[in-house]
Protein backbone atom coordinates (compact mmCIF):
# COMPACT_ATOMS: atom_id res chain seq x y z
CA MET A 1 -20.95 39.33 -3.34
CA GLY A 2 -24.10 39.33 -1.25
CA THR A 3 -25.04 36.77 1.33
CA PRO A 4 -27.33 33.91 0.26
CA SER A 5 -31.05 34.65 0.59
CA GLN A 6 -33.31 32.76 2.99
CA SER A 7 -34.85 30.83 0.07
CA ASP A 8 -31.38 29.93 -1.26
CA ARG A 9 -30.36 28.55 2.13
CA SER A 10 -33.66 26.64 2.42
CA GLY A 11 -33.12 25.13 -1.03
CA GLU A 12 -29.57 24.16 -0.16
CA ALA A 13 -30.68 22.52 3.10
CA ALA A 14 -33.40 20.60 1.24
CA GLU A 15 -30.87 19.40 -1.34
CA HIS A 16 -28.46 18.28 1.38
CA LEU A 17 -31.24 16.37 3.15
CA ALA A 18 -32.33 14.81 -0.15
CA GLU A 19 -28.77 13.58 -0.72
CA LEU A 20 -28.62 12.27 2.86
CA GLY A 21 -31.86 10.40 2.10
CA ARG A 22 -30.29 8.82 -0.98
CA LEU A 23 -27.27 7.81 1.10
CA THR A 24 -29.62 6.22 3.64
CA ASP A 25 -31.44 4.37 0.85
CA THR A 26 -28.13 3.16 -0.56
CA ALA A 27 -27.20 1.85 2.90
CA GLY A 28 -30.48 -0.09 3.07
CA GLY A 29 -32.51 2.26 5.26
CA VAL A 30 -35.91 3.87 4.77
CA VAL A 31 -36.38 7.56 5.58
CA ALA A 32 -39.26 8.01 8.04
CA GLY A 33 -38.91 11.74 8.63
CA THR A 34 -36.56 14.72 8.65
CA ILE A 35 -35.85 17.60 11.00
CA VAL A 36 -33.80 20.77 10.44
CA GLN A 37 -32.24 23.37 12.72
CA ARG A 38 -30.06 26.28 11.71
CA VAL A 39 -27.31 26.95 14.23
CA ARG A 40 -24.45 29.45 14.13
CA SER A 41 -22.14 26.80 15.54
CA PRO A 42 -22.65 23.22 16.79
CA GLN A 43 -23.69 22.92 20.43
CA PRO A 44 -21.19 20.95 22.58
CA ARG A 45 -23.73 18.55 24.11
CA TYR A 46 -26.10 17.45 21.33
CA TYR A 47 -24.77 19.35 18.26
CA VAL A 48 -28.30 20.83 18.01
CA GLY A 49 -29.88 22.87 20.80
CA ARG A 50 -31.40 21.19 23.85
CA GLY A 51 -34.95 22.07 22.76
CA LYS A 52 -34.41 20.69 19.25
CA ALA A 53 -32.88 17.52 20.73
CA GLN A 54 -36.05 17.02 22.83
CA GLU A 55 -38.18 17.61 19.73
CA LEU A 56 -36.07 15.02 17.89
CA ALA A 57 -36.62 12.50 20.70
CA GLU A 58 -40.39 13.01 20.44
CA GLN A 59 -40.30 12.53 16.66
CA VAL A 60 -38.24 9.34 17.03
CA ARG A 61 -40.85 7.90 19.39
CA ALA A 62 -43.77 9.02 17.22
CA LEU A 63 -42.30 7.47 14.06
CA ASP A 64 -40.99 4.38 15.89
CA ALA A 65 -37.61 5.00 14.24
CA ASP A 66 -34.64 2.84 15.16
CA LEU A 67 -31.86 4.99 13.66
CA VAL A 68 -31.07 8.72 13.51
CA VAL A 69 -28.67 10.05 10.86
CA PHE A 70 -27.00 13.48 11.16
CA ASP A 71 -25.81 15.26 8.02
CA ASP A 72 -22.68 16.55 9.76
CA GLU A 73 -19.93 14.80 11.68
CA LEU A 74 -20.58 14.36 15.39
CA THR A 75 -17.92 14.29 18.07
CA PRO A 76 -17.71 11.08 20.13
CA ALA A 77 -19.30 12.90 23.09
CA GLN A 78 -22.17 14.29 21.02
CA GLY A 79 -22.90 10.84 19.60
CA LYS A 80 -23.00 9.27 23.07
CA ASN A 81 -25.17 12.05 24.53
CA LEU A 82 -27.65 11.77 21.66
CA GLU A 83 -27.91 7.99 21.98
CA ASP A 84 -28.50 8.33 25.74
CA LEU A 85 -31.29 10.82 25.06
CA LEU A 86 -32.93 9.22 22.01
CA LYS A 87 -32.51 5.57 23.09
CA VAL A 88 -31.72 4.57 19.47
CA ARG A 89 -28.58 4.25 17.39
CA VAL A 90 -27.18 7.56 16.11
CA VAL A 91 -24.79 7.80 13.16
CA ASP A 92 -23.36 10.81 11.38
CA ARG A 93 -22.77 11.35 7.68
CA THR A 94 -19.21 10.03 7.87
CA GLU A 95 -20.23 6.75 9.53
CA LEU A 96 -23.06 6.31 7.02
CA ILE A 97 -20.72 6.74 4.04
CA LEU A 98 -18.23 4.33 5.61
CA ALA A 99 -21.02 1.76 6.01
CA ILE A 100 -21.94 2.14 2.33
CA PHE A 101 -18.34 1.73 1.28
CA ALA A 102 -18.06 -1.41 3.42
CA THR A 103 -20.97 -3.04 1.58
CA ARG A 104 -19.88 -1.85 -1.88
CA ALA A 105 -16.19 -2.74 -1.73
CA ARG A 106 -15.45 -5.78 -3.88
CA SER A 107 -11.71 -6.03 -4.44
CA TYR A 108 -9.16 -7.02 -1.80
CA GLU A 109 -7.62 -3.54 -1.89
CA ALA A 110 -10.93 -1.68 -1.59
CA ARG A 111 -12.00 -3.82 1.38
CA MET A 112 -8.73 -3.05 3.17
CA GLN A 113 -9.04 0.66 2.39
CA VAL A 114 -12.56 0.79 3.80
CA GLU A 115 -11.62 -1.19 6.91
CA LEU A 116 -8.70 1.16 7.55
CA ALA A 117 -10.98 4.21 7.26
CA GLN A 118 -13.56 2.60 9.56
CA LEU A 119 -10.97 1.77 12.22
CA GLN A 120 -9.50 5.29 12.09
CA TYR A 121 -13.00 6.69 12.56
CA LEU A 122 -13.76 4.18 15.34
CA LEU A 123 -10.60 4.65 17.41
CA PRO A 124 -11.57 7.92 19.17
CA ARG A 125 -15.14 6.62 19.62
CA LEU A 126 -14.38 3.37 21.42
CA MET A 127 -15.45 4.78 24.79
CA ARG A 128 -18.94 5.42 23.41
CA MET A 129 -19.20 1.75 22.44
CA TRP A 130 -18.30 0.34 25.85
CA SER A 131 -20.27 0.80 29.04
CA HIS A 132 -18.22 -1.76 30.98
CA LEU A 133 -14.94 0.16 31.12
CA SER A 134 -14.05 -1.12 34.57
CA ARG A 135 -14.24 -4.77 33.51
CA ILE A 136 -10.90 -6.49 34.12
CA ARG A 137 -9.26 -8.68 31.52
CA GLY A 138 -5.98 -10.47 32.04
CA GLY A 139 -4.02 -13.14 30.24
CA ILE A 140 -0.72 -14.01 28.61
CA GLY A 141 0.73 -11.08 26.70
CA LEU A 142 -1.64 -8.55 28.28
CA ARG A 143 -1.01 -6.07 31.07
CA GLY A 144 -3.07 -8.12 33.47
CA PRO A 145 -5.52 -6.83 36.08
CA GLY A 146 -4.55 -3.20 35.45
CA GLU A 147 -5.74 -3.07 31.85
CA THR A 148 -9.34 -2.21 31.06
CA GLN A 149 -11.36 -3.54 28.15
CA LEU A 150 -11.10 -0.13 26.50
CA GLU A 151 -7.30 -0.13 26.60
CA THR A 152 -7.21 -3.64 25.17
CA ASP A 153 -9.50 -2.69 22.30
CA ARG A 154 -7.50 0.45 21.56
CA ARG A 155 -4.33 -1.62 21.35
CA LEU A 156 -5.97 -4.23 19.10
CA VAL A 157 -7.39 -1.57 16.79
CA GLY A 158 -4.02 0.17 16.62
CA THR A 159 -2.32 -3.11 15.73
CA ARG A 160 -4.87 -3.78 12.98
CA ILE A 161 -4.44 -0.26 11.56
CA ALA A 162 -0.67 -0.76 11.36
CA GLU A 163 -1.17 -4.13 9.63
CA LEU A 164 -3.60 -2.68 7.07
CA ARG A 165 -1.25 0.20 6.31
CA ARG A 166 1.59 -2.27 5.71
CA LYS A 167 -0.54 -4.38 3.35
CA LEU A 168 -1.81 -1.33 1.48
CA ARG A 169 1.76 -0.11 0.96
CA ALA A 170 2.53 -3.47 -0.67
CA VAL A 171 -0.54 -3.15 -2.91
CA ALA A 172 0.49 0.42 -3.79
CA ARG A 173 3.92 -0.86 -4.89
CA ALA A 174 2.23 -3.46 -7.09
CA ARG A 175 0.01 -0.75 -8.59
CA ALA A 176 3.08 1.39 -9.29
CA THR A 177 4.63 -1.55 -11.16
CA GLN A 178 1.45 -1.93 -13.23
CA ARG A 179 1.45 1.77 -14.05
CA LYS A 180 5.09 1.59 -15.09
CA SER A 181 4.23 -1.14 -17.59
CA ARG A 182 1.74 1.30 -19.17
CA GLU A 183 4.34 4.02 -19.73
CA GLY A 184 4.12 5.45 -23.21
CA ARG A 185 0.36 4.79 -23.42
CA PHE A 186 -2.01 7.74 -23.32
CA ARG A 187 -4.05 7.60 -20.11
CA ALA A 188 -7.22 9.39 -19.03
CA ALA A 189 -9.03 9.19 -15.69
CA LEU A 190 -12.75 9.75 -15.13
CA VAL A 191 -13.37 11.82 -11.99
CA GLY A 192 -16.55 13.40 -10.72
CA TYR A 193 -19.35 13.52 -8.21
CA THR A 194 -20.90 10.19 -7.30
CA ASN A 195 -23.69 9.09 -9.66
CA ALA A 196 -22.60 11.55 -12.38
CA GLY A 197 -22.40 8.66 -14.87
CA LYS A 198 -18.66 7.82 -14.99
CA SER A 199 -19.15 4.04 -15.21
CA SER A 200 -21.84 4.42 -17.89
CA LEU A 201 -19.53 6.57 -19.99
CA LEU A 202 -16.65 4.10 -19.65
CA GLN A 203 -18.98 1.29 -20.71
CA VAL A 204 -20.03 3.14 -23.86
CA LEU A 205 -16.51 4.32 -24.69
CA SER A 206 -14.89 0.90 -24.29
CA GLY A 207 -17.78 -1.34 -25.33
CA SER A 208 -17.13 -3.53 -22.26
CA GLU A 209 -19.60 -4.31 -19.52
CA GLN A 210 -19.38 -2.19 -16.37
CA PHE A 211 -21.48 -2.42 -13.20
CA VAL A 212 -23.94 0.46 -13.48
CA GLU A 213 -26.64 1.34 -10.95
CA ASP A 214 -28.60 4.53 -10.25
CA ARG A 215 -27.35 4.79 -6.68
CA LEU A 216 -24.65 6.74 -4.89
CA PHE A 217 -21.27 4.98 -4.83
CA ALA A 218 -22.48 2.14 -7.09
CA THR A 219 -18.83 1.28 -7.80
CA LEU A 220 -15.77 1.71 -5.60
CA ASP A 221 -13.11 -0.32 -7.37
CA SER A 222 -11.24 1.54 -10.08
CA SER A 223 -11.27 -0.19 -13.45
CA THR A 224 -9.17 0.54 -16.53
CA ARG A 225 -10.33 -0.19 -20.08
CA LEU A 226 -8.68 0.21 -23.48
CA VAL A 227 -10.69 2.67 -25.57
CA SER A 228 -10.38 2.91 -29.34
CA LEU A 229 -10.48 6.53 -30.48
CA GLY A 230 -10.35 5.88 -34.21
CA GLU A 231 -7.58 6.42 -36.78
CA GLY A 232 -5.49 3.81 -34.99
CA HIS A 233 -5.31 5.73 -31.71
CA GLU A 234 -6.11 4.18 -28.32
CA ALA A 235 -6.29 5.42 -24.74
CA LEU A 236 -6.36 3.69 -21.37
CA VAL A 237 -9.34 5.15 -19.49
CA THR A 238 -9.75 4.58 -15.73
CA ASP A 239 -12.97 4.93 -13.76
CA THR A 240 -12.26 6.20 -10.22
CA VAL A 241 -14.34 6.31 -7.04
CA GLY A 242 -16.95 9.08 -7.00
CA PHE A 243 -16.65 12.14 -4.78
CA ILE A 244 -19.32 13.69 -2.57
CA ARG A 245 -19.69 16.78 -0.41
CA LYS A 246 -18.22 16.37 3.08
CA LEU A 247 -16.28 13.33 1.88
CA PRO A 248 -14.74 11.77 5.03
CA HIS A 249 -11.06 12.63 5.19
CA HIS A 250 -10.32 9.09 6.40
CA LEU A 251 -11.66 7.79 3.08
CA VAL A 252 -9.68 10.29 1.01
CA ALA A 253 -6.51 9.21 2.80
CA SER A 254 -7.31 5.49 2.52
CA PHE A 255 -8.14 5.67 -1.19
CA ARG A 256 -5.11 7.79 -2.04
CA SER A 257 -3.29 4.84 -3.65
CA THR A 258 -6.33 4.06 -5.81
CA LEU A 259 -6.52 7.70 -6.86
CA GLU A 260 -2.88 7.53 -7.96
CA GLU A 261 -4.38 6.37 -11.28
CA ALA A 262 -5.72 9.90 -11.64
CA ARG A 263 -2.35 11.39 -10.67
CA GLU A 264 -0.60 9.43 -13.44
CA ALA A 265 -3.21 10.28 -16.09
CA ASP A 266 -2.36 12.56 -19.01
CA VAL A 267 -5.78 14.18 -18.71
CA LEU A 268 -8.63 14.14 -16.17
CA LEU A 269 -12.14 13.75 -17.56
CA HIS A 270 -14.33 15.63 -15.07
CA VAL A 271 -17.82 14.14 -15.45
CA ILE A 272 -20.64 16.50 -14.42
CA ASP A 273 -24.32 15.59 -14.14
CA SER A 274 -25.73 18.46 -16.21
CA SER A 275 -29.31 17.51 -15.29
CA HIS A 276 -28.73 18.02 -11.57
CA PRO A 277 -30.03 21.35 -10.22
CA GLN A 278 -26.94 21.72 -8.04
CA TRP A 279 -24.36 20.70 -10.67
CA GLN A 280 -22.26 23.80 -10.04
CA GLU A 281 -21.96 22.98 -6.34
CA GLN A 282 -21.05 19.37 -7.21
CA GLN A 283 -18.45 20.70 -9.66
CA HIS A 284 -16.98 22.83 -6.86
CA VAL A 285 -16.89 19.80 -4.50
CA VAL A 286 -14.92 17.76 -7.04
CA ARG A 287 -12.46 20.58 -7.59
CA SER A 288 -11.96 20.88 -3.83
CA VAL A 289 -11.17 17.18 -3.52
CA LEU A 290 -8.82 17.36 -6.52
CA LYS A 291 -7.08 20.29 -4.82
CA ASP A 292 -6.69 18.25 -1.61
CA LEU A 293 -5.11 15.48 -3.70
CA ASP A 294 -2.79 17.95 -5.50
CA LEU A 295 -4.50 17.11 -8.80
CA LEU A 296 -6.08 20.46 -9.63
CA ALA A 297 -3.19 21.44 -11.90
CA ARG A 298 -3.61 18.34 -14.09
CA PRO A 299 -5.00 18.95 -17.61
CA ARG A 300 -8.80 18.56 -17.52
CA ILE A 301 -11.70 18.14 -19.89
CA GLN A 302 -15.19 18.84 -18.58
CA LEU A 303 -17.76 16.23 -19.63
CA PHE A 304 -21.29 17.52 -19.11
CA ASN A 305 -23.17 14.21 -19.04
CA LYS A 306 -26.91 13.38 -19.19
CA THR A 307 -27.64 16.13 -21.72
CA ASP A 308 -30.44 13.94 -23.10
CA LEU A 309 -32.45 15.00 -20.05
CA LEU A 310 -32.26 18.70 -21.03
CA ASN A 311 -34.43 20.59 -23.50
CA GLY A 312 -32.94 22.93 -26.10
CA GLU A 313 -33.22 26.05 -23.96
CA GLN A 314 -31.66 24.35 -20.93
CA LEU A 315 -28.77 23.04 -23.05
CA LEU A 316 -28.04 26.52 -24.45
CA ALA A 317 -28.04 27.98 -20.93
CA LEU A 318 -25.71 25.20 -19.79
CA LYS A 319 -23.26 25.92 -22.61
CA ARG A 320 -23.22 29.62 -21.69
CA GLN A 321 -22.51 28.77 -18.03
CA ALA A 322 -19.80 26.26 -18.98
CA ALA A 323 -18.11 28.82 -21.24
CA SER A 324 -17.70 31.23 -18.32
CA ALA A 325 -16.36 28.59 -15.92
CA SER A 326 -12.76 27.45 -15.69
CA GLY A 327 -11.81 23.79 -15.77
CA GLY A 328 -10.71 23.01 -19.30
CA PRO A 329 -12.58 22.44 -22.57
CA ALA A 330 -16.25 21.48 -22.22
CA VAL A 331 -17.86 18.58 -24.10
CA PHE A 332 -21.61 17.93 -23.86
CA VAL A 333 -22.38 14.22 -23.90
CA SER A 334 -24.88 11.55 -22.95
CA ALA A 335 -24.02 7.95 -22.20
CA ARG A 336 -27.39 7.06 -23.74
CA VAL A 337 -26.51 8.73 -27.07
CA PRO A 338 -23.14 7.30 -28.21
CA THR A 339 -22.81 9.78 -31.09
CA THR A 340 -22.39 12.60 -28.55
CA LEU A 341 -19.07 11.03 -27.56
CA VAL A 342 -17.51 11.59 -31.01
CA PRO A 343 -16.20 15.10 -30.11
CA LEU A 344 -14.59 13.62 -26.99
CA ARG A 345 -12.83 10.95 -29.04
CA HIS A 346 -11.55 13.66 -31.41
CA LEU A 347 -10.36 15.81 -28.50
CA LEU A 348 -8.45 12.88 -26.96
CA THR A 349 -6.97 12.04 -30.37
CA ASP A 350 -5.70 15.63 -30.67
CA ARG A 351 -4.13 15.32 -27.20
CA ILE A 352 -2.37 12.12 -28.27
CA ARG A 353 -1.10 13.73 -31.47
CA GLY A 354 0.18 16.66 -29.45
CA ARG A 355 2.48 14.25 -27.59
CA MET A 356 3.79 12.54 -30.72
CA ARG A 357 6.76 13.24 -32.95
CA ARG A 358 6.67 13.16 -36.73
CA ILE A 359 9.57 11.09 -37.98
CA ARG A 360 10.94 9.41 -41.09
CA VAL A 361 12.00 5.82 -40.67
CA GLU A 362 13.97 3.58 -43.00
CA VAL A 363 13.19 -0.05 -42.23
CA PRO A 364 14.58 -3.18 -43.94
CA SER A 365 11.66 -4.72 -45.84
CA ALA A 366 12.35 -8.03 -44.08
CA ASP A 367 11.81 -6.42 -40.65
CA GLY A 368 8.09 -7.07 -40.37
CA ARG A 369 8.14 -6.70 -36.59
CA THR A 370 9.26 -3.06 -36.68
CA LEU A 371 6.74 -2.22 -39.40
CA ALA A 372 3.97 -3.84 -37.36
CA THR A 373 5.04 -1.84 -34.27
CA LEU A 374 4.89 1.41 -36.26
CA HIS A 375 1.33 0.65 -37.36
CA ARG A 376 0.25 -0.54 -33.90
CA GLU A 377 1.76 2.16 -31.70
CA GLY A 378 2.05 5.06 -34.11
CA GLU A 379 0.10 6.73 -36.89
CA VAL A 380 1.58 5.88 -40.28
CA LEU A 381 1.14 8.83 -42.68
CA SER A 382 2.89 7.34 -45.70
CA GLN A 383 4.78 4.17 -46.59
CA GLU A 384 6.82 3.48 -49.73
CA GLN A 385 9.16 0.64 -50.63
CA GLU A 386 12.39 1.28 -52.48
CA GLY A 387 14.36 -1.90 -53.14
CA ALA A 388 15.08 -3.66 -49.84
CA THR A 389 14.10 -0.61 -47.76
CA VAL A 390 10.70 0.66 -46.66
CA HIS A 391 10.44 4.44 -46.14
CA VAL A 392 7.81 5.37 -43.55
CA VAL A 393 6.60 8.77 -42.34
CA ALA A 394 4.69 8.44 -39.08
CA ARG A 395 3.63 10.11 -35.88
CA VAL A 396 4.93 8.15 -32.91
CA PRO A 397 5.26 8.55 -29.12
CA ALA A 398 8.65 9.66 -27.83
CA SER A 399 9.16 6.27 -26.14
CA LEU A 400 8.78 4.49 -29.50
CA THR A 401 11.28 6.83 -31.17
CA GLY A 402 13.95 5.64 -28.76
CA ARG A 403 13.14 1.97 -29.33
CA LEU A 404 13.22 2.40 -33.10
CA GLY A 405 16.61 4.08 -32.91
CA ARG A 406 18.05 1.03 -31.15
CA ALA A 407 16.65 -1.48 -33.66
CA ALA A 408 19.19 -3.09 -36.01
CA GLY A 409 19.17 -1.69 -39.55
CA VAL A 410 16.59 1.01 -38.76
CA ARG A 411 17.33 4.69 -39.40
CA VAL A 412 15.25 7.44 -37.79
CA SER A 413 15.17 11.17 -38.60
CA ARG A 414 12.82 14.07 -37.83
CA ALA A 415 10.22 14.94 -40.46
CA GLY A 416 9.09 18.45 -39.53
CA GLN A 417 6.69 19.58 -36.87
CA ILE A 418 3.39 17.88 -36.25
CA GLY A 419 0.56 19.94 -37.63
CA GLY A 420 2.84 21.61 -40.25
CA PRO A 421 2.18 21.48 -44.01
CA GLU A 422 4.05 18.18 -44.39
CA SER A 423 1.86 16.39 -41.88
CA ARG A 424 -1.49 17.23 -43.44
């Protein structure tokens, strides 16, 4: 493979800056200007070269800007040196994303996860935030005159981190209990780049209202909805937090318990914004995060969303590109055109049937509860009554087979393989 051309690198830099601008907008800022420098490796003092840093200072003064955002992560020393030079607040991409998460988190768990990530990011940067390190602070329970303000703050932050971790472990145990109660149900998890349309798809699939906004990280809290697939089949579909390039590792670690929903899913629905010019890069970012979470081996279905924004030629080109890429079957959908979701419903139904057993069941005709369970949790293929016994042929989950076998007066036997001549 050849190295990227100059124009390719320029286009990539422009796309990265455009995304940083959208992040800034999401955080409530207004982009006044941009500046770019290509460096082989970050400079120790200012990240950029000394000359570029001086140019940046001049631009800050000319634009009367009060905040500078870097697209890469700065070391604590680089952040302090830049603030001393520019005389304005400097944040890096990680801090900006953390700030967005802090404003978007709604649930108790999400707020704790974001606070934990913020404190872990803050801990090595406390020195930058204090200019009065020699100030003495004593008192009951403290070290007394020998302890500086910095040491006190480090200890308080460390205590809070430990407390948040303890509370999040308790929430994770509660989540595990909830997931256990869903055992036997077919589960799918929507994963993908932020703003790919996961929440919109869940809203259309389930028919329930979801918070949808055309901004990065519009939703942070995972939500699970029951989705009817037709022919009596249902799936629990979970919307997870969106991914992004250079996703802060503190956030990935903090949201690991939330992303357990994806780990427990029978299939991952990888939502891709097919209208985005850099959709292949975004696809690669999602796969990288899934690999970090040990989820890359999970069964996946690729959902190429927003196809309504493509013309016929673009859609054909997209299908050719998707056919040559790995990542599971590809389905081309649009949340704005519900009929495009029919193939997805059929594909999920086939997955459910692939997990089911075809059985014959003899049920006393008076046992209405068992018959109702067969119709609710399985797929009844035939039902005939002979005297006081009802003979049923059905596809059912393995968990239901065991429960039926323990029911009084009910006899269960295999009825051939699913998909064989008898099951059609």
